[in-house]
mmCIF file of all heavy atoms, coordinates in Angstrom:
data_MODEL
# 
_entry.id   MODEL 
# 
loop_
_atom_site.group_PDB 
_atom_site.id 
_atom_site.type_symbol 
_atom_site.label_atom_id 
_atom_site.label_alt_id 
_atom_site.label_comp_id 
_atom_site.label_asym_id 
_atom_site.label_entity_id 
_atom_site.label_seq_id 
_atom_site.pdbx_PDB_ins_code 
_atom_site.Cartn_x 
_atom_site.Cartn_y 
_atom_site.Cartn_z 
_atom_site.occupancy 
_atom_site.B_iso_or_equiv 
_atom_site.pdbx_formal_charge 
_atom_site.auth_seq_id 
_atom_site.auth_comp_id 
_atom_site.auth_asym_id 
_atom_site.auth_atom_id 
_atom_site.pdbx_PDB_model_num 
ATOM 1   N N   . ALA A 1 1  ? 0.837  -1.232  0.005  1.00 0.00 ? 1  ALA A N   1 
ATOM 2   C CA  . ALA A 1 1  ? 0.020  -0.005  0.017  1.00 0.00 ? 1  ALA A CA  1 
ATOM 3   C C   . ALA A 1 1  ? 0.852  1.250   0.015  1.00 0.00 ? 1  ALA A C   1 
ATOM 4   O O   . ALA A 1 1  ? 2.065  1.209   0.257  1.00 0.00 ? 1  ALA A O   1 
ATOM 5   C CB  . ALA A 1 1  ? -0.902 -0.008  1.230  1.00 0.00 ? 1  ALA A CB  1 
ATOM 6   N N   . ILE A 1 2  ? 0.206  2.328   -0.319 1.00 0.00 ? 2  ILE A N   1 
ATOM 7   C CA  . ILE A 1 2  ? 0.772  3.667   -0.108 1.00 0.00 ? 2  ILE A CA  1 
ATOM 8   C C   . ILE A 1 2  ? -0.038 4.343   1.012  1.00 0.00 ? 2  ILE A C   1 
ATOM 9   O O   . ILE A 1 2  ? -1.270 4.421   0.874  1.00 0.00 ? 2  ILE A O   1 
ATOM 10  C CB  . ILE A 1 2  ? 0.782  4.512   -1.376 1.00 0.00 ? 2  ILE A CB  1 
ATOM 11  C CG1 . ILE A 1 2  ? 1.682  3.854   -2.420 1.00 0.00 ? 2  ILE A CG1 1 
ATOM 12  C CG2 . ILE A 1 2  ? 1.212  5.944   -1.094 1.00 0.00 ? 2  ILE A CG2 1 
ATOM 13  C CD1 . ILE A 1 2  ? 1.589  4.549   -3.810 1.00 0.00 ? 2  ILE A CD1 1 
ATOM 14  N N   . TRP A 1 3  ? 0.659  4.783   2.062  1.00 0.00 ? 3  TRP A N   1 
ATOM 15  C CA  . TRP A 1 3  ? -0.008 5.420   3.177  1.00 0.00 ? 3  TRP A CA  1 
ATOM 16  C C   . TRP A 1 3  ? -0.033 6.936   2.960  1.00 0.00 ? 3  TRP A C   1 
ATOM 17  O O   . TRP A 1 3  ? 0.921  7.516   2.366  1.00 0.00 ? 3  TRP A O   1 
ATOM 18  C CB  . TRP A 1 3  ? 0.714  5.174   4.458  1.00 0.00 ? 3  TRP A CB  1 
ATOM 19  C CG  . TRP A 1 3  ? 0.674  3.786   5.044  1.00 0.00 ? 3  TRP A CG  1 
ATOM 20  C CD1 . TRP A 1 3  ? 0.380  2.632   4.374  1.00 0.00 ? 3  TRP A CD1 1 
ATOM 21  C CD2 . TRP A 1 3  ? 0.908  3.435   6.403  1.00 0.00 ? 3  TRP A CD2 1 
ATOM 22  N NE1 . TRP A 1 3  ? 0.463  1.564   5.216  1.00 0.00 ? 3  TRP A NE1 1 
ATOM 23  C CE2 . TRP A 1 3  ? 0.757  2.037   6.486  1.00 0.00 ? 3  TRP A CE2 1 
ATOM 24  C CE3 . TRP A 1 3  ? 1.249  4.149   7.541  1.00 0.00 ? 3  TRP A CE3 1 
ATOM 25  C CZ2 . TRP A 1 3  ? 0.962  1.341   7.686  1.00 0.00 ? 3  TRP A CZ2 1 
ATOM 26  C CZ3 . TRP A 1 3  ? 1.441  3.490   8.720  1.00 0.00 ? 3  TRP A CZ3 1 
ATOM 27  C CH2 . TRP A 1 3  ? 1.307  2.075   8.807  1.00 0.00 ? 3  TRP A CH2 1 
ATOM 28  N N   . GLU A 1 4  ? -1.077 7.551   3.442  1.00 0.00 ? 4  GLU A N   1 
ATOM 29  C CA  . GLU A 1 4  ? -1.141 9.003   3.543  1.00 0.00 ? 4  GLU A CA  1 
ATOM 30  C C   . GLU A 1 4  ? -1.039 9.384   5.037  1.00 0.00 ? 4  GLU A C   1 
ATOM 31  O O   . GLU A 1 4  ? -1.849 8.912   5.842  1.00 0.00 ? 4  GLU A O   1 
ATOM 32  C CB  . GLU A 1 4  ? -2.421 9.581   2.934  1.00 0.00 ? 4  GLU A CB  1 
ATOM 33  C CG  . GLU A 1 4  ? -2.445 11.123  2.979  1.00 0.00 ? 4  GLU A CG  1 
ATOM 34  C CD  . GLU A 1 4  ? -3.805 11.657  2.516  1.00 0.00 ? 4  GLU A CD  1 
ATOM 35  O OE1 . GLU A 1 4  ? -4.769 11.551  3.287  1.00 0.00 ? 4  GLU A OE1 1 
ATOM 36  O OE2 . GLU A 1 4  ? -3.850 12.113  1.340  1.00 0.00 ? 4  GLU A OE2 1 
ATOM 37  N N   . VAL A 1 5  ? -0.039 10.133  5.398  1.00 0.00 ? 5  VAL A N   1 
ATOM 38  C CA  . VAL A 1 5  ? 0.205  10.481  6.771  1.00 0.00 ? 5  VAL A CA  1 
ATOM 39  C C   . VAL A 1 5  ? 0.025  11.985  6.988  1.00 0.00 ? 5  VAL A C   1 
ATOM 40  O O   . VAL A 1 5  ? 0.631  12.786  6.216  1.00 0.00 ? 5  VAL A O   1 
ATOM 41  C CB  . VAL A 1 5  ? 1.644  10.067  7.174  1.00 0.00 ? 5  VAL A CB  1 
ATOM 42  C CG1 . VAL A 1 5  ? 1.930  10.440  8.651  1.00 0.00 ? 5  VAL A CG1 1 
ATOM 43  C CG2 . VAL A 1 5  ? 1.872  8.596   6.996  1.00 0.00 ? 5  VAL A CG2 1 
ATOM 44  N N   . ASP A 1 6  ? -0.762 12.375  7.933  1.00 0.00 ? 6  ASP A N   1 
ATOM 45  C CA  . ASP A 1 6  ? -0.924 13.766  8.266  1.00 0.00 ? 6  ASP A CA  1 
ATOM 46  C C   . ASP A 1 6  ? 0.395  14.257  8.928  1.00 0.00 ? 6  ASP A C   1 
ATOM 47  O O   . ASP A 1 6  ? 0.810  13.694  9.940  1.00 0.00 ? 6  ASP A O   1 
ATOM 48  C CB  . ASP A 1 6  ? -2.100 13.977  9.210  1.00 0.00 ? 6  ASP A CB  1 
ATOM 49  C CG  . ASP A 1 6  ? -2.364 15.464  9.501  1.00 0.00 ? 6  ASP A CG  1 
ATOM 50  O OD1 . ASP A 1 6  ? -3.031 16.137  8.736  1.00 0.00 ? 6  ASP A OD1 1 
ATOM 51  O OD2 . ASP A 1 6  ? -1.799 15.945  10.531 1.00 0.00 ? 6  ASP A OD2 1 
ATOM 52  N N   . ARG A 1 7  ? 0.959  15.290  8.358  1.00 0.00 ? 7  ARG A N   1 
ATOM 53  C CA  . ARG A 1 7  ? 2.311  15.714  8.841  1.00 0.00 ? 7  ARG A CA  1 
ATOM 54  C C   . ARG A 1 7  ? 2.258  16.269  10.242 1.00 0.00 ? 7  ARG A C   1 
ATOM 55  O O   . ARG A 1 7  ? 3.213  16.099  11.057 1.00 0.00 ? 7  ARG A O   1 
ATOM 56  C CB  . ARG A 1 7  ? 2.887  16.747  7.850  1.00 0.00 ? 7  ARG A CB  1 
ATOM 57  C CG  . ARG A 1 7  ? 4.382  16.888  7.991  1.00 0.00 ? 7  ARG A CG  1 
ATOM 58  C CD  . ARG A 1 7  ? 4.924  17.699  6.829  1.00 0.00 ? 7  ARG A CD  1 
ATOM 59  N NE  . ARG A 1 7  ? 4.586  19.107  6.900  1.00 0.00 ? 7  ARG A NE  1 
ATOM 60  C CZ  . ARG A 1 7  ? 5.297  20.030  7.577  1.00 0.00 ? 7  ARG A CZ  1 
ATOM 61  N NH1 . ARG A 1 7  ? 6.389  19.659  8.246  1.00 0.00 ? 7  ARG A NH1 1 
ATOM 62  N NH2 . ARG A 1 7  ? 4.946  21.270  7.519  1.00 0.00 ? 7  ARG A NH2 1 
ATOM 63  N N   . ALA A 1 8  ? 1.186  16.890  10.604 1.00 0.00 ? 8  ALA A N   1 
ATOM 64  C CA  . ALA A 1 8  ? 1.101  17.584  11.902 1.00 0.00 ? 8  ALA A CA  1 
ATOM 65  C C   . ALA A 1 8  ? 0.806  16.554  13.052 1.00 0.00 ? 8  ALA A C   1 
ATOM 66  O O   . ALA A 1 8  ? 1.297  16.684  14.150 1.00 0.00 ? 8  ALA A O   1 
ATOM 67  C CB  . ALA A 1 8  ? -0.003 18.613  11.873 1.00 0.00 ? 8  ALA A CB  1 
ATOM 68  N N   . THR A 1 9  ? -0.031 15.536  12.735 1.00 0.00 ? 9  THR A N   1 
ATOM 69  C CA  . THR A 1 9  ? -0.491 14.660  13.822 1.00 0.00 ? 9  THR A CA  1 
ATOM 70  C C   . THR A 1 9  ? 0.066  13.217  13.769 1.00 0.00 ? 9  THR A C   1 
ATOM 71  O O   . THR A 1 9  ? 0.061  12.487  14.747 1.00 0.00 ? 9  THR A O   1 
ATOM 72  C CB  . THR A 1 9  ? -2.007 14.532  13.802 1.00 0.00 ? 9  THR A CB  1 
ATOM 73  O OG1 . THR A 1 9  ? -2.416 13.891  12.585 1.00 0.00 ? 9  THR A OG1 1 
ATOM 74  C CG2 . THR A 1 9  ? -2.631 15.947  13.907 1.00 0.00 ? 9  THR A CG2 1 
ATOM 75  N N   . GLY A 1 10 ? 0.517  12.794  12.566 1.00 0.00 ? 10 GLY A N   1 
ATOM 76  C CA  . GLY A 1 10 ? 0.934  11.435  12.400 1.00 0.00 ? 10 GLY A CA  1 
ATOM 77  C C   . GLY A 1 10 ? -0.209 10.498  12.126 1.00 0.00 ? 10 GLY A C   1 
ATOM 78  O O   . GLY A 1 10 ? -0.004 9.260   11.845 1.00 0.00 ? 10 GLY A O   1 
ATOM 79  N N   . ASN A 1 11 ? -1.423 10.959  12.134 1.00 0.00 ? 11 ASN A N   1 
ATOM 80  C CA  . ASN A 1 11 ? -2.568 10.125  11.741 1.00 0.00 ? 11 ASN A CA  1 
ATOM 81  C C   . ASN A 1 11 ? -2.401 9.698   10.281 1.00 0.00 ? 11 ASN A C   1 
ATOM 82  O O   . ASN A 1 11 ? -1.938 10.436  9.459  1.00 0.00 ? 11 ASN A O   1 
ATOM 83  C CB  . ASN A 1 11 ? -3.867 10.903  11.927 1.00 0.00 ? 11 ASN A CB  1 
ATOM 84  C CG  . ASN A 1 11 ? -4.148 11.207  13.355 1.00 0.00 ? 11 ASN A CG  1 
ATOM 85  O OD1 . ASN A 1 11 ? -3.727 10.537  14.272 1.00 0.00 ? 11 ASN A OD1 1 
ATOM 86  N ND2 . ASN A 1 11 ? -4.944 12.266  13.593 1.00 0.00 ? 11 ASN A ND2 1 
ATOM 87  N N   . HIS A 1 12 ? -2.819 8.437   10.030 1.00 0.00 ? 12 HIS A N   1 
ATOM 88  C CA  . HIS A 1 12 ? -2.588 7.927   8.688  1.00 0.00 ? 12 HIS A CA  1 
ATOM 89  C C   . HIS A 1 12 ? -3.808 7.124   8.231  1.00 0.00 ? 12 HIS A C   1 
ATOM 90  O O   . HIS A 1 12 ? -4.605 6.655   8.992  1.00 0.00 ? 12 HIS A O   1 
ATOM 91  C CB  . HIS A 1 12 ? -1.334 7.094   8.651  1.00 0.00 ? 12 HIS A CB  1 
ATOM 92  C CG  . HIS A 1 12 ? -1.412 5.822   9.415  1.00 0.00 ? 12 HIS A CG  1 
ATOM 93  N ND1 . HIS A 1 12 ? -1.202 5.779   10.783 1.00 0.00 ? 12 HIS A ND1 1 
ATOM 94  C CD2 . HIS A 1 12 ? -1.733 4.533   9.036  1.00 0.00 ? 12 HIS A CD2 1 
ATOM 95  C CE1 . HIS A 1 12 ? -1.391 4.533   11.231 1.00 0.00 ? 12 HIS A CE1 1 
ATOM 96  N NE2 . HIS A 1 12 ? -1.689 3.779   10.235 1.00 0.00 ? 12 HIS A NE2 1 
ATOM 97  N N   . ARG A 1 13 ? -3.813 6.961   6.883  1.00 0.00 ? 13 ARG A N   1 
ATOM 98  C CA  . ARG A 1 13 ? -4.828 6.109   6.287  1.00 0.00 ? 13 ARG A CA  1 
ATOM 99  C C   . ARG A 1 13 ? -4.230 5.458   5.041  1.00 0.00 ? 13 ARG A C   1 
ATOM 100 O O   . ARG A 1 13 ? -3.167 5.892   4.558  1.00 0.00 ? 13 ARG A O   1 
ATOM 101 C CB  . ARG A 1 13 ? -6.093 6.913   5.864  1.00 0.00 ? 13 ARG A CB  1 
ATOM 102 C CG  . ARG A 1 13 ? -5.820 7.890   4.720  1.00 0.00 ? 13 ARG A CG  1 
ATOM 103 C CD  . ARG A 1 13 ? -7.055 8.724   4.395  1.00 0.00 ? 13 ARG A CD  1 
ATOM 104 N NE  . ARG A 1 13 ? -6.808 9.648   3.292  1.00 0.00 ? 13 ARG A NE  1 
ATOM 105 C CZ  . ARG A 1 13 ? -7.170 9.413   2.002  1.00 0.00 ? 13 ARG A CZ  1 
ATOM 106 N NH1 . ARG A 1 13 ? -7.764 8.279   1.650  1.00 0.00 ? 13 ARG A NH1 1 
ATOM 107 N NH2 . ARG A 1 13 ? -6.932 10.373  1.087  1.00 0.00 ? 13 ARG A NH2 1 
ATOM 108 N N   . ILE A 1 14 ? -4.853 4.435   4.556  1.00 0.00 ? 14 ILE A N   1 
ATOM 109 C CA  . ILE A 1 14 ? -4.383 3.790   3.324  1.00 0.00 ? 14 ILE A CA  1 
ATOM 110 C C   . ILE A 1 14 ? -4.884 4.615   2.134  1.00 0.00 ? 14 ILE A C   1 
ATOM 111 O O   . ILE A 1 14 ? -6.100 4.774   1.916  1.00 0.00 ? 14 ILE A O   1 
ATOM 112 C CB  . ILE A 1 14 ? -4.924 2.353   3.169  1.00 0.00 ? 14 ILE A CB  1 
ATOM 113 C CG1 . ILE A 1 14 ? -4.426 1.533   4.361  1.00 0.00 ? 14 ILE A CG1 1 
ATOM 114 C CG2 . ILE A 1 14 ? -4.474 1.742   1.852  1.00 0.00 ? 14 ILE A CG2 1 
ATOM 115 C CD1 . ILE A 1 14 ? -2.905 1.388   4.446  1.00 0.00 ? 14 ILE A CD1 1 
ATOM 116 N N   . PHE A 1 15 ? -3.941 5.216   1.388  1.00 0.00 ? 15 PHE A N   1 
ATOM 117 C CA  . PHE A 1 15 ? -4.308 6.010   0.227  1.00 0.00 ? 15 PHE A CA  1 
ATOM 118 C C   . PHE A 1 15 ? -4.625 5.125   -0.967 1.00 0.00 ? 15 PHE A C   1 
ATOM 119 O O   . PHE A 1 15 ? -5.583 5.378   -1.692 1.00 0.00 ? 15 PHE A O   1 
ATOM 120 C CB  . PHE A 1 15 ? -3.139 6.955   -0.070 1.00 0.00 ? 15 PHE A CB  1 
ATOM 121 C CG  . PHE A 1 15 ? -3.359 7.865   -1.260 1.00 0.00 ? 15 PHE A CG  1 
ATOM 122 C CD1 . PHE A 1 15 ? -4.180 8.997   -1.138 1.00 0.00 ? 15 PHE A CD1 1 
ATOM 123 C CD2 . PHE A 1 15 ? -2.791 7.596   -2.478 1.00 0.00 ? 15 PHE A CD2 1 
ATOM 124 C CE1 . PHE A 1 15 ? -4.388 9.847   -2.233 1.00 0.00 ? 15 PHE A CE1 1 
ATOM 125 C CE2 . PHE A 1 15 ? -3.017 8.454   -3.585 1.00 0.00 ? 15 PHE A CE2 1 
ATOM 126 C CZ  . PHE A 1 15 ? -3.816 9.555   -3.456 1.00 0.00 ? 15 PHE A CZ  1 
ATOM 127 N N   . ALA A 1 16 ? -3.817 4.106   -1.205 1.00 0.00 ? 16 ALA A N   1 
ATOM 128 C CA  . ALA A 1 16 ? -4.043 3.158   -2.299 1.00 0.00 ? 16 ALA A CA  1 
ATOM 129 C C   . ALA A 1 16 ? -3.494 1.782   -1.877 1.00 0.00 ? 16 ALA A C   1 
ATOM 130 O O   . ALA A 1 16 ? -2.533 1.743   -1.101 1.00 0.00 ? 16 ALA A O   1 
ATOM 131 C CB  . ALA A 1 16 ? -3.369 3.630   -3.564 1.00 0.00 ? 16 ALA A CB  1 
ATOM 132 N N   . SER A 1 17 ? -4.115 0.708   -2.357 1.00 0.00 ? 17 SER A N   1 
ATOM 133 C CA  . SER A 1 17 ? -3.725 -0.610  -1.885 1.00 0.00 ? 17 SER A CA  1 
ATOM 134 C C   . SER A 1 17 ? -3.607 -1.576  -3.068 1.00 0.00 ? 17 SER A C   1 
ATOM 135 O O   . SER A 1 17 ? -3.879 -1.213  -4.223 1.00 0.00 ? 17 SER A O   1 
ATOM 136 C CB  . SER A 1 17 ? -4.726 -1.112  -0.862 1.00 0.00 ? 17 SER A CB  1 
ATOM 137 O OG  . SER A 1 17 ? -6.041 -1.193  -1.418 1.00 0.00 ? 17 SER A OG  1 
ATOM 138 N N   . GLY A 1 18 ? -3.240 -2.815  -2.718 1.00 0.00 ? 18 GLY A N   1 
ATOM 139 C CA  . GLY A 1 18 ? -3.077 -3.866  -3.749 1.00 0.00 ? 18 GLY A CA  1 
ATOM 140 C C   . GLY A 1 18 ? -1.888 -3.624  -4.634 1.00 0.00 ? 18 GLY A C   1 
ATOM 141 O O   . GLY A 1 18 ? -1.820 -4.031  -5.773 1.00 0.00 ? 18 GLY A O   1 
ATOM 142 N N   . ILE A 1 19 ? -0.865 -2.930  -4.072 1.00 0.00 ? 19 ILE A N   1 
ATOM 143 C CA  . ILE A 1 19 ? 0.362  -2.530  -4.803 1.00 0.00 ? 19 ILE A CA  1 
ATOM 144 C C   . ILE A 1 19 ? 1.520  -3.362  -4.166 1.00 0.00 ? 19 ILE A C   1 
ATOM 145 O O   . ILE A 1 19 ? 2.009  -2.979  -3.132 1.00 0.00 ? 19 ILE A O   1 
ATOM 146 C CB  . ILE A 1 19 ? 0.654  -1.035  -4.735 1.00 0.00 ? 19 ILE A CB  1 
ATOM 147 C CG1 . ILE A 1 19 ? -0.589 -0.252  -5.156 1.00 0.00 ? 19 ILE A CG1 1 
ATOM 148 C CG2 . ILE A 1 19 ? 1.818  -0.654  -5.583 1.00 0.00 ? 19 ILE A CG2 1 
ATOM 149 C CD1 . ILE A 1 19 ? -0.515 1.267   -4.991 1.00 0.00 ? 19 ILE A CD1 1 
ATOM 150 N N   . ARG A 1 20 ? 1.954  -4.391  -4.828 1.00 0.00 ? 20 ARG A N   1 
ATOM 151 C CA  . ARG A 1 20 ? 2.834  -5.379  -4.160 1.00 0.00 ? 20 ARG A CA  1 
ATOM 152 C C   . ARG A 1 20 ? 4.069  -4.796  -3.548 1.00 0.00 ? 20 ARG A C   1 
ATOM 153 O O   . ARG A 1 20 ? 4.354  -5.035  -2.350 1.00 0.00 ? 20 ARG A O   1 
ATOM 154 C CB  . ARG A 1 20 ? 3.220  -6.480  -5.159 1.00 0.00 ? 20 ARG A CB  1 
ATOM 155 C CG  . ARG A 1 20 ? 4.173  -7.550  -4.564 1.00 0.00 ? 20 ARG A CG  1 
ATOM 156 C CD  . ARG A 1 20 ? 4.498  -8.587  -5.626 1.00 0.00 ? 20 ARG A CD  1 
ATOM 157 N NE  . ARG A 1 20 ? 5.467  -9.523  -5.138 1.00 0.00 ? 20 ARG A NE  1 
ATOM 158 C CZ  . ARG A 1 20 ? 6.787  -9.456  -5.288 1.00 0.00 ? 20 ARG A CZ  1 
ATOM 159 N NH1 . ARG A 1 20 ? 7.308  -8.372  -5.872 1.00 0.00 ? 20 ARG A NH1 1 
ATOM 160 N NH2 . ARG A 1 20 ? 7.549  -10.421 -4.869 1.00 0.00 ? 20 ARG A NH2 1 
ATOM 161 N N   . ASN A 1 21 ? 4.861  -4.072  -4.303 1.00 0.00 ? 21 ASN A N   1 
ATOM 162 C CA  . ASN A 1 21 ? 6.094  -3.489  -3.727 1.00 0.00 ? 21 ASN A CA  1 
ATOM 163 C C   . ASN A 1 21 ? 6.384  -2.148  -4.372 1.00 0.00 ? 21 ASN A C   1 
ATOM 164 O O   . ASN A 1 21 ? 7.192  -2.041  -5.296 1.00 0.00 ? 21 ASN A O   1 
ATOM 165 C CB  . ASN A 1 21 ? 7.234  -4.438  -3.883 1.00 0.00 ? 21 ASN A CB  1 
ATOM 166 C CG  . ASN A 1 21 ? 8.509  -3.941  -3.164 1.00 0.00 ? 21 ASN A CG  1 
ATOM 167 O OD1 . ASN A 1 21 ? 8.436  -3.140  -2.243 1.00 0.00 ? 21 ASN A OD1 1 
ATOM 168 N ND2 . ASN A 1 21 ? 9.682  -4.439  -3.555 1.00 0.00 ? 21 ASN A ND2 1 
ATOM 169 N N   . PRO A 1 22 ? 5.691  -1.079  -3.918 1.00 0.00 ? 22 PRO A N   1 
ATOM 170 C CA  . PRO A 1 22 ? 5.966  0.230   -4.484 1.00 0.00 ? 22 PRO A CA  1 
ATOM 171 C C   . PRO A 1 22 ? 7.284  0.798   -3.893 1.00 0.00 ? 22 PRO A C   1 
ATOM 172 O O   . PRO A 1 22 ? 7.560  0.576   -2.732 1.00 0.00 ? 22 PRO A O   1 
ATOM 173 C CB  . PRO A 1 22 ? 4.764  1.070   -4.004 1.00 0.00 ? 22 PRO A CB  1 
ATOM 174 C CG  . PRO A 1 22 ? 4.377  0.385   -2.746 1.00 0.00 ? 22 PRO A CG  1 
ATOM 175 C CD  . PRO A 1 22 ? 4.642  -1.067  -2.888 1.00 0.00 ? 22 PRO A CD  1 
ATOM 176 N N   . ASN A 1 23 ? 8.030  1.494   -4.760 1.00 0.00 ? 23 ASN A N   1 
ATOM 177 C CA  . ASN A 1 23 ? 9.287  2.142   -4.220 1.00 0.00 ? 23 ASN A CA  1 
ATOM 178 C C   . ASN A 1 23 ? 9.346  3.586   -4.653 1.00 0.00 ? 23 ASN A C   1 
ATOM 179 O O   . ASN A 1 23 ? 9.112  4.465   -3.821 1.00 0.00 ? 23 ASN A O   1 
ATOM 180 C CB  . ASN A 1 23 ? 10.497 1.374   -4.747 1.00 0.00 ? 23 ASN A CB  1 
ATOM 181 C CG  . ASN A 1 23 ? 10.855 0.161   -3.937 1.00 0.00 ? 23 ASN A CG  1 
ATOM 182 O OD1 . ASN A 1 23 ? 11.629 0.234   -2.967 1.00 0.00 ? 23 ASN A OD1 1 
ATOM 183 N ND2 . ASN A 1 23 ? 10.239 -0.996  -4.218 1.00 0.00 ? 23 ASN A ND2 1 
ATOM 184 N N   . GLY A 1 24 ? 9.624  3.845   -5.931 1.00 0.00 ? 24 GLY A N   1 
ATOM 185 C CA  . GLY A 1 24 ? 9.685  5.258   -6.366 1.00 0.00 ? 24 GLY A CA  1 
ATOM 186 C C   . GLY A 1 24 ? 8.333  5.929   -6.264 1.00 0.00 ? 24 GLY A C   1 
ATOM 187 O O   . GLY A 1 24 ? 7.303  5.360   -6.558 1.00 0.00 ? 24 GLY A O   1 
ATOM 188 N N   . LEU A 1 25 ? 8.394  7.205   -5.831 1.00 0.00 ? 25 LEU A N   1 
ATOM 189 C CA  . LEU A 1 25 ? 7.175  8.055   -5.754 1.00 0.00 ? 25 LEU A CA  1 
ATOM 190 C C   . LEU A 1 25 ? 7.602  9.372   -6.335 1.00 0.00 ? 25 LEU A C   1 
ATOM 191 O O   . LEU A 1 25 ? 8.667  9.897   -6.078 1.00 0.00 ? 25 LEU A O   1 
ATOM 192 C CB  . LEU A 1 25 ? 6.773  8.250   -4.301 1.00 0.00 ? 25 LEU A CB  1 
ATOM 193 C CG  . LEU A 1 25 ? 6.052  7.132   -3.569 1.00 0.00 ? 25 LEU A CG  1 
ATOM 194 C CD1 . LEU A 1 25 ? 5.846  7.545   -2.112 1.00 0.00 ? 25 LEU A CD1 1 
ATOM 195 C CD2 . LEU A 1 25 ? 4.709  6.820   -4.232 1.00 0.00 ? 25 LEU A CD2 1 
# 
């Protein structure tokens, strides 16, 4: 997955999933 993390709080959610091994962004 690719996580989305709130920079101020550290709260996170799954932004996108089913992605075996993502590296470059």
